Amino acid sequence: MTRVAREYRRLCVSEGFNLLGIDVDRKHCRLRFELGDVFAAATPSDHRNLVNVRTAIRRLHRIGAVA
């Protein structure tokens, strides 16, 4: 597992989201949840990446809880 994937897993645990799995290819990670998927960069190119991914995960769960 790559360092970025470990950071995504740690982020999901700390936020309390049930992460089903992470699919990693060369440039992207697919974070799989029961409500859907979130795609994120597999390279640590942006210092705001984790903040943006956390926001996308929260948005997915907020929309999924309403629907």
PDB file of N, CA and C in Angstrom:
ATOM      1  N   MET A   1       0.844  -1.166   0.000  1.00  0.00           N
ATOM      2  CA  MET A   1       0.000   0.000   0.000  1.00  0.00           C
ATOM      3  C   MET A   1       0.900   1.244   0.000  1.00  0.00           C
ATOM      4  N   THR A   2       0.538   2.217  -0.801  1.00  0.00           N
ATOM      5  CA  THR A   2       1.354   3.422  -0.906  1.00  0.00           C
ATOM      6  C   THR A   2       1.145   4.324   0.305  1.00  0.00           C
ATOM      7  N   ARG A   3       2.039   5.271   0.454  1.00  0.00           N
ATOM      8  CA  ARG A   3       1.956   6.200   1.582  1.00  0.00           C
ATOM      9  C   ARG A   3       0.680   7.030   1.508  1.00  0.00           C
ATOM     10  N   VAL A   4       0.304   7.454   0.320  1.00  0.00           N
ATOM     11  CA  VAL A   4      -0.909   8.258   0.155  1.00  0.00           C
ATOM     12  C   VAL A   4      -2.143   7.434   0.515  1.00  0.00           C
ATOM     13  N   ALA A   5      -2.183   6.174   0.127  1.00  0.00           N
ATOM     14  CA  ALA A   5      -3.313   5.305   0.468  1.00  0.00           C
ATOM     15  C   ALA A   5      -3.412   5.112   1.973  1.00  0.00           C
ATOM     16  N   ARG A   6      -2.263   4.980   2.644  1.00  0.00           N
ATOM     17  CA  ARG A   6      -2.273   4.879   4.113  1.00  0.00           C
ATOM     18  C   ARG A   6      -2.823   6.156   4.749  1.00  0.00           C
ATOM     19  N   GLU A   7      -2.474   7.300   4.190  1.00  0.00           N
ATOM     20  CA  GLU A   7      -3.000   8.569   4.704  1.00  0.00           C
ATOM     21  C   GLU A   7      -4.512   8.653   4.512  1.00  0.00           C
ATOM     22  N   TYR A   8      -5.006   8.195   3.364  1.00  0.00           N
ATOM     23  CA  TYR A   8      -6.454   8.191   3.133  1.00  0.00           C
ATOM     24  C   TYR A   8      -7.154   7.256   4.116  1.00  0.00           C
ATOM     25  N   ARG A   9      -6.583   6.088   4.355  1.00  0.00           N
ATOM     26  CA  ARG A   9      -7.181   5.150   5.315  1.00  0.00           C
ATOM     27  C   ARG A   9      -7.202   5.759   6.719  1.00  0.00           C
ATOM     28  N   ARG A  10      -6.107   6.397   7.111  1.00  0.00           N
ATOM     29  CA  ARG A  10      -6.012   7.044   8.419  1.00  0.00           C
ATOM     30  C   ARG A  10      -7.036   8.177   8.539  1.00  0.00           C
ATOM     31  N   LEU A  11      -7.225   8.924   7.454  1.00  0.00           N
ATOM     32  CA  LEU A  11      -8.205  10.004   7.428  1.00  0.00           C
ATOM     33  C   LEU A  11      -9.615   9.464   7.652  1.00  0.00           C
ATOM     34  N   CYS A  12      -9.962   8.379   6.985  1.00  0.00           N
ATOM     35  CA  CYS A  12     -11.299   7.798   7.122  1.00  0.00           C
ATOM     36  C   CYS A  12     -11.533   7.260   8.527  1.00  0.00           C
ATOM     37  N   VAL A  13     -10.526   6.658   9.117  1.00  0.00           N
ATOM     38  CA  VAL A  13     -10.658   6.148  10.480  1.00  0.00           C
ATOM     39  C   VAL A  13     -10.853   7.299  11.453  1.00  0.00           C
ATOM     40  N   SER A  14     -10.066   8.366  11.299  1.00  0.00           N
ATOM     41  CA  SER A  14     -10.164   9.490  12.226  1.00  0.00           C
ATOM     42  C   SER A  14     -11.491  10.235  12.087  1.00  0.00           C
ATOM     43  N   GLU A  15     -12.068  10.240  10.885  1.00  0.00           N
ATOM     44  CA  GLU A  15     -13.348  10.909  10.655  1.00  0.00           C
ATOM     45  C   GLU A  15     -14.537   9.999  10.968  1.00  0.00           C
ATOM     46  N   GLY A  16     -14.297   8.701  11.139  1.00  0.00           N
ATOM     47  CA  GLY A  16     -15.361   7.774  11.489  1.00  0.00           C
ATOM     48  C   GLY A  16     -16.145   7.230  10.303  1.00  0.00           C
ATOM     49  N   PHE A  17     -15.567   7.265   9.108  1.00  0.00           N
ATOM     50  CA  PHE A  17     -16.241   6.734   7.927  1.00  0.00           C
ATOM     51  C   PHE A  17     -15.799   5.306   7.666  1.00  0.00           C
ATOM     52  N   ASN A  18     -16.747   4.471   7.254  1.00  0.00           N
ATOM     53  CA  ASN A  18     -16.473   3.069   6.996  1.00  0.00           C
ATOM     54  C   ASN A  18     -15.937   2.904   5.574  1.00  0.00           C
ATOM     55  N   LEU A  19     -14.629   2.785   5.462  1.00  0.00           N
ATOM     56  CA  LEU A  19     -13.974   2.626   4.167  1.00  0.00           C
ATOM     57  C   LEU A  19     -13.967   1.151   3.790  1.00  0.00           C
ATOM     58  N   LEU A  20     -14.574   0.814   2.651  1.00  0.00           N
ATOM     59  CA  LEU A  20     -14.628  -0.575   2.207  1.00  0.00           C
ATOM     60  C   LEU A  20     -13.330  -1.018   1.557  1.00  0.00           C
ATOM     61  N   GLY A  21     -12.663  -0.109   0.870  1.00  0.00           N
ATOM     62  CA  GLY A  21     -11.418  -0.465   0.209  1.00  0.00           C
ATOM     63  C   GLY A  21     -10.854   0.684  -0.576  1.00  0.00           C
ATOM     64  N   ILE A  22      -9.599   0.512  -0.975  1.00  0.00           N
ATOM     65  CA  ILE A  22      -8.915   1.507  -1.789  1.00  0.00           C
ATOM     66  C   ILE A  22      -8.329   0.795  -3.002  1.00  0.00           C
ATOM     67  N   ASP A  23      -8.695   1.265  -4.186  1.00  0.00           N
ATOM     68  CA  ASP A  23      -8.113   0.773  -5.428  1.00  0.00           C
ATOM     69  C   ASP A  23      -7.104   1.811  -5.900  1.00  0.00           C
ATOM     70  N   VAL A  24      -5.864   1.392  -6.079  1.00  0.00           N
ATOM     71  CA  VAL A  24      -4.804   2.323  -6.454  1.00  0.00           C
ATOM     72  C   VAL A  24      -4.285   1.962  -7.840  1.00  0.00           C
ATOM     73  N   ASP A  25      -4.242   2.957  -8.720  1.00  0.00           N
ATOM     74  CA  ASP A  25      -3.524   2.779  -9.978  1.00  0.00           C
ATOM     75  C   ASP A  25      -2.391   3.802  -9.998  1.00  0.00           C
ATOM     76  N   ARG A  26      -1.861   4.117 -11.135  1.00  0.00           N
ATOM     77  CA  ARG A  26      -0.669   4.969 -11.180  1.00  0.00           C
ATOM     78  C   ARG A  26      -0.895   6.370 -10.642  1.00  0.00           C
ATOM     79  N   LYS A  27      -2.004   6.994 -11.013  1.00  0.00           N
ATOM     80  CA  LYS A  27      -2.189   8.403 -10.681  1.00  0.00           C
ATOM     81  C   LYS A  27      -3.374   8.692  -9.772  1.00  0.00           C
ATOM     82  N   HIS A  28      -4.262   7.730  -9.588  1.00  0.00           N
ATOM     83  CA  HIS A  28      -5.465   7.993  -8.806  1.00  0.00           C
ATOM     84  C   HIS A  28      -5.763   6.862  -7.836  1.00  0.00           C
ATOM     85  N   CYS A  29      -6.455   7.224  -6.761  1.00  0.00           N
ATOM     86  CA  CYS A  29      -6.980   6.253  -5.794  1.00  0.00           C
ATOM     87  C   CYS A  29      -8.494   6.334  -5.840  1.00  0.00           C
ATOM     88  N   ARG A  30      -9.121   5.195  -5.708  1.00  0.00           N
ATOM     89  CA  ARG A  30     -10.573   5.127  -5.643  1.00  0.00           C
ATOM     90  C   ARG A  30     -10.929   4.672  -4.239  1.00  0.00           C
ATOM     91  N   LEU A  31     -11.515   5.550  -3.464  1.00  0.00           N
ATOM     92  CA  LEU A  31     -11.921   5.233  -2.098  1.00  0.00           C
ATOM     93  C   LEU A  31     -13.363   4.733  -2.166  1.00  0.00           C
ATOM     94  N   ARG A  32     -13.571   3.483  -1.778  1.00  0.00           N
ATOM     95  CA  ARG A  32     -14.896   2.874  -1.893  1.00  0.00           C
ATOM     96  C   ARG A  32     -15.620   2.904  -0.553  1.00  0.00           C
ATOM     97  N   PHE A  33     -16.847   3.445  -0.579  1.00  0.00           N
ATOM     98  CA  PHE A  33     -17.723   3.497   0.583  1.00  0.00           C
ATOM     99  C   PHE A  33     -19.039   2.840   0.210  1.00  0.00           C
ATOM    100  N   GLU A  34     -19.888   2.599   1.205  1.00  0.00           N
ATOM    101  CA  GLU A  34     -21.197   2.010   0.915  1.00  0.00           C
ATOM    102  C   GLU A  34     -22.059   2.942   0.073  1.00  0.00           C
ATOM    103  N   LEU A  35     -21.884   4.245   0.246  1.00  0.00           N
ATOM    104  CA  LEU A  35     -22.718   5.223  -0.455  1.00  0.00           C
ATOM    105  C   LEU A  35     -22.197   5.586  -1.833  1.00  0.00           C
ATOM    106  N   GLY A  36     -20.959   5.222  -2.152  1.00  0.00           N
ATOM    107  CA  GLY A  36     -20.383   5.567  -3.443  1.00  0.00           C
ATOM    108  C   GLY A  36     -18.871   5.622  -3.376  1.00  0.00           C
ATOM    109  N   ASP A  37     -18.284   6.191  -4.393  1.00  0.00           N
ATOM    110  CA  ASP A  37     -16.831   6.259  -4.504  1.00  0.00           C
ATOM    111  C   ASP A  37     -16.362   7.705  -4.525  1.00  0.00           C
ATOM    112  N   VAL A  38     -15.147   7.893  -4.029  1.00  0.00           N
ATOM    113  CA  VAL A  38     -14.469   9.190  -4.114  1.00  0.00           C
ATOM    114  C   VAL A  38     -13.132   8.937  -4.785  1.00  0.00           C
ATOM    115  N   PHE A  39     -12.838   9.715  -5.819  1.00  0.00           N
ATOM    116  CA  PHE A  39     -11.568   9.588  -6.520  1.00  0.00           C
ATOM    117  C   PHE A  39     -10.626  10.669  -6.021  1.00  0.00           C
ATOM    118  N   ALA A  40      -9.371  10.282  -5.806  1.00  0.00           N
ATOM    119  CA  ALA A  40      -8.387  11.208  -5.268  1.00  0.00           C
ATOM    120  C   ALA A  40      -7.041  10.945  -5.928  1.00  0.00           C
ATOM    121  N   ALA A  41      -6.164  11.916  -5.807  1.00  0.00           N
ATOM    122  CA  ALA A  41      -4.831  11.786  -6.401  1.00  0.00           C
ATOM    123  C   ALA A  41      -4.014  10.741  -5.649  1.00  0.00           C
ATOM    124  N   ALA A  42      -3.210   9.993  -6.377  1.00  0.00           N
ATOM    125  CA  ALA A  42      -2.334   8.995  -5.759  1.00  0.00           C
ATOM    126  C   ALA A  42      -0.936   9.544  -5.543  1.00  0.00           C
ATOM    127  N   THR A  43      -0.739  10.817  -5.901  1.00  0.00           N
ATOM    128  CA  THR A  43       0.562  11.452  -5.703  1.00  0.00           C
ATOM    129  C   THR A  43       0.403  12.611  -4.731  1.00  0.00           C
ATOM    130  N   PRO A  44       1.362  12.829  -3.880  1.00  0.00           N
ATOM    131  CA  PRO A  44       1.258  13.926  -2.898  1.00  0.00           C
ATOM    132  C   PRO A  44       1.667  15.266  -3.507  1.00  0.00           C
ATOM    133  N   SER A  45       0.968  15.699  -4.539  1.00  0.00           N
ATOM    134  CA  SER A  45       1.385  16.881  -5.281  1.00  0.00           C
ATOM    135  C   SER A  45       0.818  18.173  -4.702  1.00  0.00           C
ATOM    136  N   ASP A  46      -0.213  18.098  -3.915  1.00  0.00           N
ATOM    137  CA  ASP A  46      -0.895  19.290  -3.437  1.00  0.00           C
ATOM    138  C   ASP A  46      -0.986  19.246  -1.923  1.00  0.00           C
ATOM    139  N   HIS A  47      -0.613  20.335  -1.263  1.00  0.00           N
ATOM    140  CA  HIS A  47      -0.650  20.330   0.194  1.00  0.00           C
ATOM    141  C   HIS A  47      -2.073  20.392   0.734  1.00  0.00           C
ATOM    142  N   ARG A  48      -3.043  20.776  -0.083  1.00  0.00           N
ATOM    143  CA  ARG A  48      -4.437  20.804   0.359  1.00  0.00           C
ATOM    144  C   ARG A  48      -5.199  19.544  -0.043  1.00  0.00           C
ATOM    145  N   ASN A  49      -4.515  18.559  -0.568  1.00  0.00           N
ATOM    146  CA  ASN A  49      -5.166  17.352  -1.066  1.00  0.00           C
ATOM    147  C   ASN A  49      -5.997  16.660   0.010  1.00  0.00           C
ATOM    148  N   LEU A  50      -5.430  16.441   1.186  1.00  0.00           N
ATOM    149  CA  LEU A  50      -6.177  15.743   2.240  1.00  0.00           C
ATOM    150  C   LEU A  50      -7.404  16.534   2.676  1.00  0.00           C
ATOM    151  N   VAL A  51      -7.304  17.850   2.715  1.00  0.00           N
ATOM    152  CA  VAL A  51      -8.453  18.677   3.080  1.00  0.00           C
ATOM    153  C   VAL A  51      -9.550  18.535   2.032  1.00  0.00           C
ATOM    154  N   ASN A  52      -9.180  18.569   0.764  1.00  0.00           N
ATOM    155  CA  ASN A  52     -10.161  18.434  -0.310  1.00  0.00           C
ATOM    156  C   ASN A  52     -10.797  17.049  -0.336  1.00  0.00           C
ATOM    157  N   VAL A  53     -10.013  16.013  -0.082  1.00  0.00           N
ATOM    158  CA  VAL A  53     -10.555  14.646  -0.054  1.00  0.00           C
ATOM    159  C   VAL A  53     -11.503  14.487   1.130  1.00  0.00           C
ATOM    160  N   ARG A  54     -11.127  15.020   2.286  1.00  0.00           N
ATOM    161  CA  ARG A  54     -11.999  14.946   3.458  1.00  0.00           C
ATOM    162  C   ARG A  54     -13.327  15.640   3.184  1.00  0.00           C
ATOM    163  N   THR A  55     -13.282  16.778   2.509  1.00  0.00           N
ATOM    164  CA  THR A  55     -14.505  17.498   2.157  1.00  0.00           C
ATOM    165  C   THR A  55     -15.368  16.681   1.201  1.00  0.00           C
ATOM    166  N   ALA A  56     -14.758  16.030   0.237  1.00  0.00           N
ATOM    167  CA  ALA A  56     -15.513  15.205  -0.714  1.00  0.00           C
ATOM    168  C   ALA A  56     -16.161  14.009  -0.013  1.00  0.00           C
ATOM    169  N   ILE A  57     -15.450  13.413   0.935  1.00  0.00           N
ATOM    170  CA  ILE A  57     -16.004  12.274   1.678  1.00  0.00           C
ATOM    171  C   ILE A  57     -17.172  12.730   2.548  1.00  0.00           C
ATOM    172  N   ARG A  58     -17.005  13.848   3.223  1.00  0.00           N
ATOM    173  CA  ARG A  58     -18.105  14.375   4.047  1.00  0.00           C
ATOM    174  C   ARG A  58     -19.312  14.706   3.195  1.00  0.00           C
ATOM    175  N   ARG A  59     -19.068  15.298   2.024  1.00  0.00           N
ATOM    176  CA  ARG A  59     -20.165  15.659   1.123  1.00  0.00           C
ATOM    177  C   ARG A  59     -20.902  14.402   0.649  1.00  0.00           C
ATOM    178  N   LEU A  60     -20.158  13.361   0.310  1.00  0.00           N
ATOM    179  CA  LEU A  60     -20.778  12.102  -0.119  1.00  0.00           C
ATOM    180  C   LEU A  60     -21.685  11.546   0.971  1.00  0.00           C
ATOM    181  N   HIS A  61     -21.212  11.549   2.198  1.00  0.00           N
ATOM    182  CA  HIS A  61     -22.006  10.982   3.291  1.00  0.00           C
ATOM    183  C   HIS A  61     -23.164  11.891   3.690  1.00  0.00           C
ATOM    184  N   ARG A  62     -23.009  13.198   3.546  1.00  0.00           N
ATOM    185  CA  ARG A  62     -24.097  14.114   3.851  1.00  0.00           C
ATOM    186  C   ARG A  62     -25.212  13.956   2.827  1.00  0.00           C
ATOM    187  N   ILE A  63     -24.865  13.871   1.547  1.00  0.00           N
ATOM    188  CA  ILE A  63     -25.860  13.704   0.489  1.00  0.00           C
ATOM    189  C   ILE A  63     -26.501  12.320   0.598  1.00  0.00           C
ATOM    190  N   GLY A  64     -25.709  11.303   0.891  1.00  0.00           N
ATOM    191  CA  GLY A  64     -26.242   9.951   1.020  1.00  0.00           C
ATOM    192  C   GLY A  64     -27.188   9.799   2.197  1.00  0.00           C
ATOM    193  N   ALA A  65     -26.955  10.555   3.264  1.00  0.00           N
ATOM    194  CA  ALA A  65     -27.817  10.476   4.426  1.00  0.00           C
ATOM    195  C   ALA A  65     -29.159  11.139   4.161  1.00  0.00           C
ATOM    196  N   VAL A  66     -29.175  12.125   3.285  1.00  0.00           N
ATOM    197  CA  VAL A  66     -30.414  12.846   2.965  1.00  0.00           C
ATOM    198  C   VAL A  66     -31.264  12.027   1.996  1.00  0.00           C
ATOM    199  N   ALA A  67     -30.628  11.371   1.034  1.00  0.00           N
ATOM    200  CA  ALA A  67     -31.358  10.650  -0.011  1.00  0.00           C
ATOM    201  C   ALA A  67     -32.025   9.409   0.502  1.00  0.00           C
TER     202      ALA A  67
END
